[in-house]
């Protein structure tokens, strides 16, 4: 799980829809790059799954692989649901 400092999130509700934008600070290493000055490969280290929840319910699940860039940006729209009782 990512620490709070490694993900910046902004959400804006407008016209019955919420736009969520997230910037995730992560190196996303593929395991194919070599350390500078040596022949050793940098170990694989990338985000495999991103899950976004709202009030305990999953609104988005994304499965990522090694091809996602360093410090990935994620944006999605979610309809606003009003619970008025």
C-alpha atoms as a PDB file:
ATOM      1  CA  UNK A   1       0.000   0.000   0.000  1.00  0.00           C
ATOM      2  CA  UNK A   2       1.257   3.460  -0.876  1.00  0.00           C
ATOM      3  CA  UNK A   3       2.071   5.973   1.828  1.00  0.00           C
ATOM      4  CA  UNK A   4       0.061   9.189   2.009  1.00  0.00           C
ATOM      5  CA  UNK A   5       3.028  11.214   0.781  1.00  0.00           C
ATOM      6  CA  UNK A   6       3.414   9.162  -2.394  1.00  0.00           C
ATOM      7  CA  UNK A   7      -0.058   9.879  -3.843  1.00  0.00           C
ATOM      8  CA  UNK A   8      -1.491  13.321  -4.608  1.00  0.00           C
ATOM      9  CA  UNK A   9      -5.241  13.270  -5.230  1.00  0.00           C
ATOM     10  CA  UNK A  10      -7.668  15.954  -6.407  1.00  0.00           C
ATOM     11  CA  UNK A  11     -11.387  15.463  -6.907  1.00  0.00           C
ATOM     12  CA  UNK A  12     -13.879  17.913  -8.383  1.00  0.00           C
ATOM     13  CA  UNK A  13     -17.660  17.409  -8.519  1.00  0.00           C
ATOM     14  CA  UNK A  14     -19.479  19.155 -11.351  1.00  0.00           C
ATOM     15  CA  UNK A  15     -22.671  18.506 -13.348  1.00  0.00           C
ATOM     16  CA  UNK A  16     -23.492  15.261 -11.542  1.00  0.00           C
ATOM     17  CA  UNK A  17     -20.033  13.776 -12.017  1.00  0.00           C
ATOM     18  CA  UNK A  18     -16.829  13.711  -9.980  1.00  0.00           C
ATOM     19  CA  UNK A  19     -13.478  13.831 -11.756  1.00  0.00           C
ATOM     20  CA  UNK A  20     -10.712  12.213  -9.743  1.00  0.00           C
ATOM     21  CA  UNK A  21      -7.054  12.849 -10.604  1.00  0.00           C
ATOM     22  CA  UNK A  22      -4.143  11.118  -8.894  1.00  0.00           C
ATOM     23  CA  UNK A  23      -0.385  11.438  -9.324  1.00  0.00           C
ATOM     24  CA  UNK A  24       1.444   8.451  -7.873  1.00  0.00           C
ATOM     25  CA  UNK A  25       5.137   8.827  -6.985  1.00  0.00           C
ATOM     26  CA  UNK A  26       6.732   5.486  -7.859  1.00  0.00           C
ATOM     27  CA  UNK A  27       9.879   4.383  -9.774  1.00  0.00           C
ATOM     28  CA  UNK A  28       8.091   1.633 -11.799  1.00  0.00           C
ATOM     29  CA  UNK A  29      11.192  -0.505 -12.472  1.00  0.00           C
ATOM     30  CA  UNK A  30      10.800  -3.161 -15.187  1.00  0.00           C
ATOM     31  CA  UNK A  31      13.768  -5.285 -14.148  1.00  0.00           C
ATOM     32  CA  UNK A  32      15.497  -4.652 -17.480  1.00  0.00           C
ATOM     33  CA  UNK A  33      17.531  -1.580 -16.551  1.00  0.00           C
ATOM     34  CA  UNK A  34      21.091  -1.857 -15.236  1.00  0.00           C
ATOM     35  CA  UNK A  35      22.589   0.016 -12.301  1.00  0.00           C
ATOM     36  CA  UNK A  36      24.880   2.829 -13.432  1.00  0.00           C
ATOM     37  CA  UNK A  37      28.490   1.689 -13.404  1.00  0.00           C
ATOM     38  CA  UNK A  38      27.693  -2.025 -13.098  1.00  0.00           C
ATOM     39  CA  UNK A  39      26.115  -4.895 -14.984  1.00  0.00           C
ATOM     40  CA  UNK A  40      23.582  -5.635 -12.230  1.00  0.00           C
ATOM     41  CA  UNK A  41      19.914  -5.346 -13.167  1.00  0.00           C
ATOM     42  CA  UNK A  42      17.667  -3.170 -11.009  1.00  0.00           C
ATOM     43  CA  UNK A  43      15.047  -5.499  -9.465  1.00  0.00           C
ATOM     44  CA  UNK A  44      11.476  -5.467 -10.753  1.00  0.00           C
ATOM     45  CA  UNK A  45       9.346  -3.012  -8.750  1.00  0.00           C
ATOM     46  CA  UNK A  46       6.116  -1.733 -10.275  1.00  0.00           C
ATOM     47  CA  UNK A  47       2.492  -1.130  -9.317  1.00  0.00           C
ATOM     48  CA  UNK A  48       0.377  -4.155 -10.180  1.00  0.00           C
ATOM     49  CA  UNK A  49      -3.047  -3.025  -8.995  1.00  0.00           C
ATOM     50  CA  UNK A  50      -4.710   0.276  -8.143  1.00  0.00           C
ATOM     51  CA  UNK A  51      -8.012   0.226  -6.264  1.00  0.00           C
ATOM     52  CA  UNK A  52     -10.064   3.354  -5.581  1.00  0.00           C
ATOM     53  CA  UNK A  53     -12.851   3.223  -3.021  1.00  0.00           C
ATOM     54  CA  UNK A  54     -15.532   5.662  -1.925  1.00  0.00           C
ATOM     55  CA  UNK A  55     -17.442   5.152   1.319  1.00  0.00           C
ATOM     56  CA  UNK A  56     -16.223   1.555   1.501  1.00  0.00           C
ATOM     57  CA  UNK A  57     -17.235   0.596  -2.053  1.00  0.00           C
ATOM     58  CA  UNK A  58     -14.810   0.001  -4.912  1.00  0.00           C
ATOM     59  CA  UNK A  59     -15.360   2.500  -7.739  1.00  0.00           C
ATOM     60  CA  UNK A  60     -12.303   1.618  -9.848  1.00  0.00           C
ATOM     61  CA  UNK A  61      -9.786  -1.215 -10.075  1.00  0.00           C
ATOM     62  CA  UNK A  62      -6.906  -1.011 -12.543  1.00  0.00           C
ATOM     63  CA  UNK A  63      -4.406  -3.775 -13.239  1.00  0.00           C
ATOM     64  CA  UNK A  64      -1.076  -2.336 -14.325  1.00  0.00           C
ATOM     65  CA  UNK A  65       2.113  -3.886 -15.636  1.00  0.00           C
ATOM     66  CA  UNK A  66       5.757  -3.027 -16.176  1.00  0.00           C
ATOM     67  CA  UNK A  67       4.939  -0.820 -19.189  1.00  0.00           C
ATOM     68  CA  UNK A  68       3.360   1.939 -17.047  1.00  0.00           C
ATOM     69  CA  UNK A  69       5.639   4.970 -16.779  1.00  0.00           C
ATOM     70  CA  UNK A  70       7.477   6.264 -13.719  1.00  0.00           C
ATOM     71  CA  UNK A  71       5.271   8.464 -11.486  1.00  0.00           C
ATOM     72  CA  UNK A  72       2.025   7.505 -13.230  1.00  0.00           C
ATOM     73  CA  UNK A  73      -1.008   9.802 -13.507  1.00  0.00           C
ATOM     74  CA  UNK A  74      -4.524   8.364 -13.205  1.00  0.00           C
ATOM     75  CA  UNK A  75      -7.752  10.201 -14.000  1.00  0.00           C
ATOM     76  CA  UNK A  76     -11.324   8.907 -14.028  1.00  0.00           C
ATOM     77  CA  UNK A  77     -14.905  10.165 -13.818  1.00  0.00           C
ATOM     78  CA  UNK A  78     -17.439   8.837 -11.341  1.00  0.00           C
ATOM     79  CA  UNK A  79     -21.169   9.703 -11.301  1.00  0.00           C
ATOM     80  CA  UNK A  80     -22.236  11.515  -8.147  1.00  0.00           C
ATOM     81  CA  UNK A  81     -24.790   9.514  -6.147  1.00  0.00           C
ATOM     82  CA  UNK A  82     -26.798  11.398  -3.551  1.00  0.00           C
ATOM     83  CA  UNK A  83     -28.109   9.541  -0.505  1.00  0.00           C
ATOM     84  CA  UNK A  84     -30.850  11.735   0.939  1.00  0.00           C
ATOM     85  CA  UNK A  85     -32.910  10.293   3.789  1.00  0.00           C
END
